[in-house]
Full PDB file with SEQRES, HELIX, SHEET, SSBOND, CRYST1, ORIGX, SCALE, CONECT and MASTER records, all heavy atoms in Angstrom:
SEQRES   1 A   33  CYS LYS VAL GLN LEU ARG ALA HIS GLY GLU VAL TYR GLY          
SEQRES   2 A   33  CYS ARG ALA GLN LEU SER GLY ASP ASP LEU HIS ILE GLU          
SEQRES   3 A   33  LEU ASP ALA PRO ALA ALA GLY                                  
SHEET    1 AA1 3 LYS A   2  GLN A   4  0                                        
SHEET    2 AA1 3 VAL A  11  SER A  19 -1                                        
SHEET    3 AA1 3 ASP A  22  LEU A  27 -1                                        
CRYST1    1.000    1.000    1.000  90.00  90.00  90.00 P 1           1          
ORIGX1      1.000000  0.000000  0.000000        0.00000                         
ORIGX2      0.000000  1.000000  0.000000        0.00000                         
ORIGX3      0.000000  0.000000  1.000000        0.00000                         
SCALE1      1.000000  0.000000  0.000000        0.00000                         
SCALE2      0.000000  1.000000  0.000000        0.00000                         
SCALE3      0.000000  0.000000  1.000000        0.00000                         
ATOM      1  N   CYS A   1     -57.840  -2.610 -67.162  1.00  0.00           N  
ATOM      2  CA  CYS A   1     -58.568  -3.175 -66.062  1.00  0.00           C  
ATOM      3  C   CYS A   1     -59.950  -2.575 -66.031  1.00  0.00           C  
ATOM      4  O   CYS A   1     -60.460  -2.074 -67.006  1.00  0.00           O  
ATOM      5  CB  CYS A   1     -57.774  -2.960 -64.810  1.00  0.00           C  
ATOM      6  SG  CYS A   1     -57.402  -1.201 -64.417  1.00  0.00           S  
ATOM      7  N   LYS A   2     -60.523  -2.880 -64.892  1.00  0.00           N  
ATOM      8  CA  LYS A   2     -61.908  -2.241 -64.664  1.00  0.00           C  
ATOM      9  C   LYS A   2     -61.844  -1.359 -63.382  1.00  0.00           C  
ATOM     10  O   LYS A   2     -60.984  -1.594 -62.398  1.00  0.00           O  
ATOM     11  CB  LYS A   2     -62.962  -3.283 -64.554  1.00  0.00           C  
ATOM     12  CG  LYS A   2     -63.218  -4.079 -65.834  1.00  0.00           C  
ATOM     13  CD  LYS A   2     -64.350  -5.067 -65.678  1.00  0.00           C  
ATOM     14  CE  LYS A   2     -64.529  -5.899 -67.058  1.00  0.00           C  
ATOM     15  NZ  LYS A   2     -64.851  -5.004 -68.158  1.00  0.00           N  
ATOM     16  N   VAL A   3     -62.725  -0.376 -63.326  1.00  0.00           N  
ATOM     17  CA  VAL A   3     -62.712   0.487 -62.074  1.00  0.00           C  
ATOM     18  C   VAL A   3     -64.167   0.656 -61.598  1.00  0.00           C  
ATOM     19  O   VAL A   3     -65.081   0.784 -62.396  1.00  0.00           O  
ATOM     20  CB  VAL A   3     -62.083   1.880 -62.435  1.00  0.00           C  
ATOM     21  CG1 VAL A   3     -62.873   2.648 -63.464  1.00  0.00           C  
ATOM     22  CG2 VAL A   3     -61.924   2.670 -61.122  1.00  0.00           C  
ATOM     23  N   GLN A   4     -64.390   0.715 -60.367  1.00  0.00           N  
ATOM     24  CA  GLN A   4     -65.628   1.006 -59.555  1.00  0.00           C  
ATOM     25  C   GLN A   4     -65.424   2.330 -58.948  1.00  0.00           C  
ATOM     26  O   GLN A   4     -64.446   2.435 -58.114  1.00  0.00           O  
ATOM     27  CB  GLN A   4     -66.053  -0.082 -58.601  1.00  0.00           C  
ATOM     28  CG  GLN A   4     -67.451   0.105 -58.073  1.00  0.00           C  
ATOM     29  CD  GLN A   4     -67.893  -1.193 -57.208  1.00  0.00           C  
ATOM     30  OE1 GLN A   4     -67.465  -2.367 -57.641  1.00  0.00           O  
ATOM     31  NE2 GLN A   4     -68.645  -1.036 -56.306  1.00  0.00           N  
ATOM     32  N   LEU A   5     -66.328   3.177 -59.050  1.00  0.00           N  
ATOM     33  CA  LEU A   5     -66.234   4.526 -58.618  1.00  0.00           C  
ATOM     34  C   LEU A   5     -67.056   4.961 -57.441  1.00  0.00           C  
ATOM     35  O   LEU A   5     -66.886   6.039 -56.863  1.00  0.00           O  
ATOM     36  CB  LEU A   5     -66.461   5.603 -59.786  1.00  0.00           C  
ATOM     37  CG  LEU A   5     -65.493   5.309 -60.985  1.00  0.00           C  
ATOM     38  CD1 LEU A   5     -65.944   6.217 -62.188  1.00  0.00           C  
ATOM     39  CD2 LEU A   5     -64.046   5.574 -60.677  1.00  0.00           C  
ATOM     40  N   ARG A   6     -67.930   4.055 -56.974  1.00  0.00           N  
ATOM     41  CA  ARG A   6     -68.790   4.266 -55.839  1.00  0.00           C  
ATOM     42  C   ARG A   6     -69.219   3.043 -55.348  1.00  0.00           C  
ATOM     43  O   ARG A   6     -69.248   1.909 -56.150  1.00  0.00           O  
ATOM     44  CB  ARG A   6     -69.873   5.228 -56.095  1.00  0.00           C  
ATOM     45  CG  ARG A   6     -70.904   4.736 -57.084  1.00  0.00           C  
ATOM     46  CD  ARG A   6     -72.115   5.727 -57.145  1.00  0.00           C  
ATOM     47  NE  ARG A   6     -71.778   6.997 -57.603  1.00  0.00           N  
ATOM     48  CZ  ARG A   6     -71.745   7.421 -58.829  1.00  0.00           C  
ATOM     49  NH1 ARG A   6     -72.044   6.481 -59.818  1.00  0.00           N  
ATOM     50  NH2 ARG A   6     -71.460   8.622 -59.246  1.00  0.00           N  
ATOM     51  N   ALA A   7     -69.619   2.821 -54.101  1.00  0.00           N  
ATOM     52  CA  ALA A   7     -70.075   1.574 -53.555  1.00  0.00           C  
ATOM     53  C   ALA A   7     -71.360   1.123 -54.270  1.00  0.00           C  
ATOM     54  O   ALA A   7     -72.258   1.970 -54.523  1.00  0.00           O  
ATOM     55  CB  ALA A   7     -70.431   1.818 -52.085  1.00  0.00           C  
ATOM     56  N   HIS A   8     -71.409  -0.072 -54.820  1.00  0.00           N  
ATOM     57  CA  HIS A   8     -72.535  -0.589 -55.534  1.00  0.00           C  
ATOM     58  C   HIS A   8     -72.706   0.110 -56.818  1.00  0.00           C  
ATOM     59  O   HIS A   8     -73.751   0.060 -57.453  1.00  0.00           O  
ATOM     60  CB  HIS A   8     -73.731  -0.674 -54.705  1.00  0.00           C  
ATOM     61  CG  HIS A   8     -73.565  -1.376 -53.394  1.00  0.00           C  
ATOM     62  ND1 HIS A   8     -73.272  -2.704 -53.230  1.00  0.00           N  
ATOM     63  CD2 HIS A   8     -73.624  -0.849 -52.130  1.00  0.00           C  
ATOM     64  CE1 HIS A   8     -73.120  -3.036 -51.986  1.00  0.00           C  
ATOM     65  NE2 HIS A   8     -73.321  -1.838 -51.314  1.00  0.00           N  
ATOM     66  N   GLY A   9     -71.738   0.817 -57.327  1.00  0.00           N  
ATOM     67  CA  GLY A   9     -71.895   1.616 -58.557  1.00  0.00           C  
ATOM     68  C   GLY A   9     -71.488   0.769 -59.700  1.00  0.00           C  
ATOM     69  O   GLY A   9     -70.943  -0.416 -59.701  1.00  0.00           O  
ATOM     70  N   GLU A  10     -71.644   1.302 -60.969  1.00  0.00           N  
ATOM     71  CA  GLU A  10     -71.295   0.700 -62.245  1.00  0.00           C  
ATOM     72  C   GLU A  10     -69.723   0.492 -62.361  1.00  0.00           C  
ATOM     73  O   GLU A  10     -69.013   1.238 -61.734  1.00  0.00           O  
ATOM     74  CB  GLU A  10     -71.813   1.540 -63.312  1.00  0.00           C  
ATOM     75  CG  GLU A  10     -71.722   0.974 -64.672  1.00  0.00           C  
ATOM     76  CD  GLU A  10     -72.271   1.826 -65.799  1.00  0.00           C  
ATOM     77  OE1 GLU A  10     -72.959   2.769 -65.553  1.00  0.00           O  
ATOM     78  OE2 GLU A  10     -72.008   1.516 -67.082  1.00  0.00           O  
ATOM     79  N   VAL A  11     -69.427  -0.533 -62.968  1.00  0.00           N  
ATOM     80  CA  VAL A  11     -67.999  -0.794 -63.242  1.00  0.00           C  
ATOM     81  C   VAL A  11     -67.693  -0.446 -64.702  1.00  0.00           C  
ATOM     82  O   VAL A  11     -68.483  -0.800 -65.632  1.00  0.00           O  
ATOM     83  CB  VAL A  11     -67.745  -2.380 -63.015  1.00  0.00           C  
ATOM     84  CG1 VAL A  11     -66.259  -2.649 -63.308  1.00  0.00           C  
ATOM     85  CG2 VAL A  11     -68.067  -2.742 -61.547  1.00  0.00           C  
ATOM     86  N   TYR A  12     -66.503   0.214 -64.874  1.00  0.00           N  
ATOM     87  CA  TYR A  12     -66.070   0.747 -66.139  1.00  0.00           C  
ATOM     88  C   TYR A  12     -64.812   0.042 -66.628  1.00  0.00           C  
ATOM     89  O   TYR A  12     -63.938  -0.083 -65.782  1.00  0.00           O  
ATOM     90  CB  TYR A  12     -66.071   2.235 -66.150  1.00  0.00           C  
ATOM     91  CG  TYR A  12     -67.212   2.980 -65.757  1.00  0.00           C  
ATOM     92  CD1 TYR A  12     -67.553   3.194 -64.433  1.00  0.00           C  
ATOM     93  CD2 TYR A  12     -68.012   3.456 -66.783  1.00  0.00           C  
ATOM     94  CE1 TYR A  12     -68.735   3.894 -64.156  1.00  0.00           C  
ATOM     95  CE2 TYR A  12     -69.237   4.206 -66.450  1.00  0.00           C  
ATOM     96  CZ  TYR A  12     -69.605   4.397 -65.139  1.00  0.00           C  
ATOM     97  OH  TYR A  12     -70.677   5.131 -64.893  1.00  0.00           O  
ATOM     98  N   GLY A  13     -64.736  -0.263 -67.907  1.00  0.00           N  
ATOM     99  CA  GLY A  13     -63.470  -0.548 -68.405  1.00  0.00           C  
ATOM    100  C   GLY A  13     -62.545   0.649 -68.436  1.00  0.00           C  
ATOM    101  O   GLY A  13     -63.065   1.744 -68.674  1.00  0.00           O  
ATOM    102  N   CYS A  14     -61.271   0.476 -68.261  1.00  0.00           N  
ATOM    103  CA  CYS A  14     -60.370   1.554 -68.208  1.00  0.00           C  
ATOM    104  C   CYS A  14     -58.926   1.168 -68.489  1.00  0.00           C  
ATOM    105  O   CYS A  14     -58.649   0.038 -68.579  1.00  0.00           O  
ATOM    106  CB  CYS A  14     -60.461   2.335 -66.805  1.00  0.00           C  
ATOM    107  SG  CYS A  14     -59.770   1.354 -65.468  1.00  0.00           S  
ATOM    108  N   ARG A  15     -58.090   2.188 -68.585  1.00  0.00           N  
ATOM    109  CA  ARG A  15     -56.630   2.047 -68.565  1.00  0.00           C  
ATOM    110  C   ARG A  15     -56.128   2.897 -67.450  1.00  0.00           C  
ATOM    111  O   ARG A  15     -56.427   4.013 -67.292  1.00  0.00           O  
ATOM    112  CB  ARG A  15     -56.093   2.524 -69.881  1.00  0.00           C  
ATOM    113  CG  ARG A  15     -56.452   1.560 -71.123  1.00  0.00           C  
ATOM    114  CD  ARG A  15     -56.607   2.286 -72.381  1.00  0.00           C  
ATOM    115  NE  ARG A  15     -57.798   3.121 -72.429  1.00  0.00           N  
ATOM    116  CZ  ARG A  15     -57.756   4.392 -72.782  1.00  0.00           C  
ATOM    117  NH1 ARG A  15     -56.652   5.015 -73.118  1.00  0.00           N  
ATOM    118  NH2 ARG A  15     -59.023   4.961 -72.844  1.00  0.00           N  
ATOM    119  N   ALA A  16     -55.223   2.295 -66.626  1.00  0.00           N  
ATOM    120  CA  ALA A  16     -54.733   2.946 -65.450  1.00  0.00           C  
ATOM    121  C   ALA A  16     -53.298   3.008 -65.400  1.00  0.00           C  
ATOM    122  O   ALA A  16     -52.642   2.013 -65.867  1.00  0.00           O  
ATOM    123  CB  ALA A  16     -55.281   2.246 -64.206  1.00  0.00           C  
ATOM    124  N   GLN A  17     -52.625   4.011 -64.889  1.00  0.00           N  
ATOM    125  CA  GLN A  17     -51.184   4.138 -64.809  1.00  0.00           C  
ATOM    126  C   GLN A  17     -50.758   5.067 -63.631  1.00  0.00           C  
ATOM    127  O   GLN A  17     -51.419   6.124 -63.455  1.00  0.00           O  
ATOM    128  CB  GLN A  17     -50.684   4.765 -66.100  1.00  0.00           C  
ATOM    129  CG  GLN A  17     -49.221   4.795 -66.178  1.00  0.00           C  
ATOM    130  CD  GLN A  17     -48.744   5.360 -67.436  1.00  0.00           C  
ATOM    131  OE1 GLN A  17     -49.463   5.482 -68.462  1.00  0.00           O  
ATOM    132  NE2 GLN A  17     -47.362   5.401 -67.647  1.00  0.00           N  
ATOM    133  N   LEU A  18     -49.732   4.739 -62.920  1.00  0.00           N  
ATOM    134  CA  LEU A  18     -49.199   5.536 -61.898  1.00  0.00           C  
ATOM    135  C   LEU A  18     -48.335   6.581 -62.570  1.00  0.00           C  
ATOM    136  O   LEU A  18     -47.393   6.199 -63.401  1.00  0.00           O  
ATOM    137  CB  LEU A  18     -48.490   4.700 -60.866  1.00  0.00           C  
ATOM    138  CG  LEU A  18     -49.169   4.401 -59.586  1.00  0.00           C  
ATOM    139  CD1 LEU A  18     -48.227   3.472 -58.772  1.00  0.00           C  
ATOM    140  CD2 LEU A  18     -49.723   5.461 -58.720  1.00  0.00           C  
ATOM    141  N   SER A  19     -48.337   7.888 -62.189  1.00  0.00           N  
ATOM    142  CA  SER A  19     -47.476   8.832 -62.576  1.00  0.00           C  
ATOM    143  C   SER A  19     -47.092   9.626 -61.361  1.00  0.00           C  
ATOM    144  O   SER A  19     -47.952  10.302 -60.749  1.00  0.00           O  
ATOM    145  CB  SER A  19     -48.102   9.835 -63.586  1.00  0.00           C  
ATOM    146  OG  SER A  19     -47.250  10.832 -64.041  1.00  0.00           O  
ATOM    147  N   GLY A  20     -45.887   9.437 -60.823  1.00  0.00           N  
ATOM    148  CA  GLY A  20     -45.415  10.019 -59.573  1.00  0.00           C  
ATOM    149  C   GLY A  20     -46.308   9.273 -58.511  1.00  0.00           C  
ATOM    150  O   GLY A  20     -46.266   8.043 -58.420  1.00  0.00           O  
ATOM    151  N   ASP A  21     -46.931  10.133 -57.633  1.00  0.00           N  
ATOM    152  CA  ASP A  21     -47.747   9.560 -56.601  1.00  0.00           C  
ATOM    153  C   ASP A  21     -49.208   9.512 -56.986  1.00  0.00           C  
ATOM    154  O   ASP A  21     -50.182   9.185 -56.156  1.00  0.00           O  
ATOM    155  CB  ASP A  21     -47.602  10.328 -55.278  1.00  0.00           C  
ATOM    156  CG  ASP A  21     -46.221  10.187 -54.744  1.00  0.00           C  
ATOM    157  OD1 ASP A  21     -45.642   9.089 -54.853  1.00  0.00           O  
ATOM    158  OD2 ASP A  21     -45.707  11.170 -54.074  1.00  0.00           O  
ATOM    159  N   ASP A  22     -49.604   9.894 -58.184  1.00  0.00           N  
ATOM    160  CA  ASP A  22     -51.014   9.955 -58.652  1.00  0.00           C  
ATOM    161  C   ASP A  22     -51.366   8.804 -59.525  1.00  0.00           C  
ATOM    162  O   ASP A  22     -50.548   8.381 -60.323  1.00  0.00           O  
ATOM    163  CB  ASP A  22     -51.303  11.239 -59.303  1.00  0.00           C  
ATOM    164  CG  ASP A  22     -51.187  12.457 -58.415  1.00  0.00           C  
ATOM    165  OD1 ASP A  22     -51.298  12.261 -57.235  1.00  0.00           O  
ATOM    166  OD2 ASP A  22     -50.913  13.630 -58.854  1.00  0.00           O  
ATOM    167  N   LEU A  23     -52.498   8.365 -59.452  1.00  0.00           N  
ATOM    168  CA  LEU A  23     -53.146   7.402 -60.337  1.00  0.00           C  
ATOM    169  C   LEU A  23     -53.959   8.025 -61.405  1.00  0.00           C  
ATOM    170  O   LEU A  23     -54.844   8.822 -61.109  1.00  0.00           O  
ATOM    171  CB  LEU A  23     -54.012   6.422 -59.489  1.00  0.00           C  
ATOM    172  CG  LEU A  23     -54.658   5.164 -60.406  1.00  0.00           C  
ATOM    173  CD1 LEU A  23     -53.547   4.354 -61.013  1.00  0.00           C  
ATOM    174  CD2 LEU A  23     -55.601   4.436 -59.581  1.00  0.00           C  
ATOM    175  N   HIS A  24     -53.635   7.845 -62.598  1.00  0.00           N  
ATOM    176  CA  HIS A  24     -54.374   8.316 -63.814  1.00  0.00           C  
ATOM    177  C   HIS A  24     -55.139   7.300 -64.435  1.00  0.00           C  
ATOM    178  O   HIS A  24     -54.686   6.199 -64.839  1.00  0.00           O  
ATOM    179  CB  HIS A  24     -53.396   8.949 -64.824  1.00  0.00           C  
ATOM    180  CG  HIS A  24     -52.687  10.153 -64.419  1.00  0.00           C  
ATOM    181  ND1 HIS A  24     -53.051  11.446 -64.685  1.00  0.00           N  
ATOM    182  CD2 HIS A  24     -51.651  10.357 -63.481  1.00  0.00           C  
ATOM    183  CE1 HIS A  24     -52.356  12.338 -64.076  1.00  0.00           C  
ATOM    184  NE2 HIS A  24     -51.393  11.767 -63.328  1.00  0.00           N  
ATOM    185  N   ILE A  25     -56.444   7.480 -64.563  1.00  0.00           N  
ATOM    186  CA  ILE A  25     -57.458   6.539 -65.064  1.00  0.00           C  
ATOM    187  C   ILE A  25     -58.128   7.130 -66.269  1.00  0.00           C  
ATOM    188  O   ILE A  25     -58.780   8.171 -66.129  1.00  0.00           O  
ATOM    189  CB  ILE A  25     -58.533   6.130 -63.982  1.00  0.00           C  
ATOM    190  CG1 ILE A  25     -57.728   5.617 -62.688  1.00  0.00           C  
ATOM    191  CG2 ILE A  25     -59.539   5.128 -64.540  1.00  0.00           C  
ATOM    192  CD1 ILE A  25     -58.728   5.392 -61.582  1.00  0.00           C  
ATOM    193  N   GLU A  26     -58.056   6.328 -67.427  1.00  0.00           N  
ATOM    194  CA  GLU A  26     -58.812   6.717 -68.581  1.00  0.00           C  
ATOM    195  C   GLU A  26     -59.940   5.814 -68.851  1.00  0.00           C  
ATOM    196  O   GLU A  26     -59.676   4.652 -68.961  1.00  0.00           O  
ATOM    197  CB  GLU A  26     -57.803   6.825 -69.823  1.00  0.00           C  
ATOM    198  CG  GLU A  26     -56.630   7.896 -69.662  1.00  0.00           C  
ATOM    199  CD  GLU A  26     -57.199   9.284 -69.505  1.00  0.00           C  
ATOM    200  OE1 GLU A  26     -58.214   9.627 -70.210  1.00  0.00           O  
ATOM    201  OE2 GLU A  26     -56.511  10.044 -68.863  1.00  0.00           O  
ATOM    202  N   LEU A  27     -61.174   6.260 -68.739  1.00  0.00           N  
ATOM    203  CA  LEU A  27     -62.216   5.393 -68.937  1.00  0.00           C  
ATOM    204  C   LEU A  27     -62.595   4.953 -70.371  1.00  0.00           C  
ATOM    205  O   LEU A  27     -62.326   5.910 -71.270  1.00  0.00           O  
ATOM    206  CB  LEU A  27     -63.546   6.113 -68.283  1.00  0.00           C  
ATOM    207  CG  LEU A  27     -63.489   6.452 -66.880  1.00  0.00           C  
ATOM    208  CD1 LEU A  27     -64.653   7.156 -66.447  1.00  0.00           C  
ATOM    209  CD2 LEU A  27     -63.181   5.220 -65.955  1.00  0.00           C  
ATOM    210  N   ASP A  28     -63.010   3.704 -70.646  1.00  0.00           N  
ATOM    211  CA  ASP A  28     -63.311   3.467 -72.019  1.00  0.00           C  
ATOM    212  C   ASP A  28     -64.680   4.089 -72.495  1.00  0.00           C  
ATOM    213  O   ASP A  28     -64.945   4.101 -73.640  1.00  0.00           O  
ATOM    214  CB  ASP A  28     -63.321   1.945 -72.046  1.00  0.00           C  
ATOM    215  CG  ASP A  28     -62.148   1.185 -71.822  1.00  0.00           C  
ATOM    216  OD1 ASP A  28     -61.110   1.965 -71.894  1.00  0.00           O  
ATOM    217  OD2 ASP A  28     -62.064  -0.016 -71.466  1.00  0.00           O  
ATOM    218  N   ALA A  29     -65.482   4.336 -71.467  1.00  0.00           N  
ATOM    219  CA  ALA A  29     -66.850   5.032 -71.796  1.00  0.00           C  
ATOM    220  C   ALA A  29     -67.078   6.082 -70.698  1.00  0.00           C  
ATOM    221  O   ALA A  29     -66.591   5.842 -69.473  1.00  0.00           O  
ATOM    222  CB  ALA A  29     -67.994   3.974 -71.852  1.00  0.00           C  
ATOM    223  N   PRO A  30     -67.813   7.090 -70.979  1.00  0.00           N  
ATOM    224  CA  PRO A  30     -67.959   8.233 -70.079  1.00  0.00           C  
ATOM    225  C   PRO A  30     -68.777   7.707 -68.792  1.00  0.00           C  
ATOM    226  O   PRO A  30     -69.643   6.878 -68.917  1.00  0.00           O  
ATOM    227  CB  PRO A  30     -68.721   9.193 -70.890  1.00  0.00           C  
ATOM    228  CG  PRO A  30     -68.555   8.895 -72.258  1.00  0.00           C  
ATOM    229  CD  PRO A  30     -68.351   7.447 -72.337  1.00  0.00           C  
ATOM    230  N   ALA A  31     -68.423   8.283 -67.773  1.00  0.00           N  
ATOM    231  CA  ALA A  31     -69.077   8.080 -66.483  1.00  0.00           C  
ATOM    232  C   ALA A  31     -69.696   9.421 -65.991  1.00  0.00           C  
ATOM    233  O   ALA A  31     -69.064  10.422 -66.181  1.00  0.00           O  
ATOM    234  CB  ALA A  31     -68.101   7.534 -65.316  1.00  0.00           C  
ATOM    235  N   ALA A  32     -70.782   9.315 -65.311  1.00  0.00           N  
ATOM    236  CA  ALA A  32     -71.420  10.648 -64.818  1.00  0.00           C  
ATOM    237  C   ALA A  32     -71.427  10.643 -63.400  1.00  0.00           C  
ATOM    238  O   ALA A  32     -71.458   9.587 -62.594  1.00  0.00           O  
ATOM    239  CB  ALA A  32     -72.877  10.710 -65.290  1.00  0.00           C  
ATOM    240  N   GLY A  33     -71.372  11.879 -62.765  1.00  0.00           N  
ATOM    241  CA  GLY A  33     -71.426  11.994 -61.307  1.00  0.00           C  
ATOM    242  C   GLY A  33     -70.245  11.599 -60.607  1.00  0.00           C  
ATOM    243  O   GLY A  33     -70.392  11.091 -59.443  1.00  0.00           O  
TER     244      GLY A  33                                                      
MASTER        0    0    0    0    3    0    0    6  243    1    0    3          
END                                                                             
């Protein structure tokens, strides 16, 4: 899927999965800040 990490921020391709109560997100390209 895609993920946005701040309001009006860049959108990144990613892979996401729930593990227990936590969401793990692996980005397709590095994000800063």
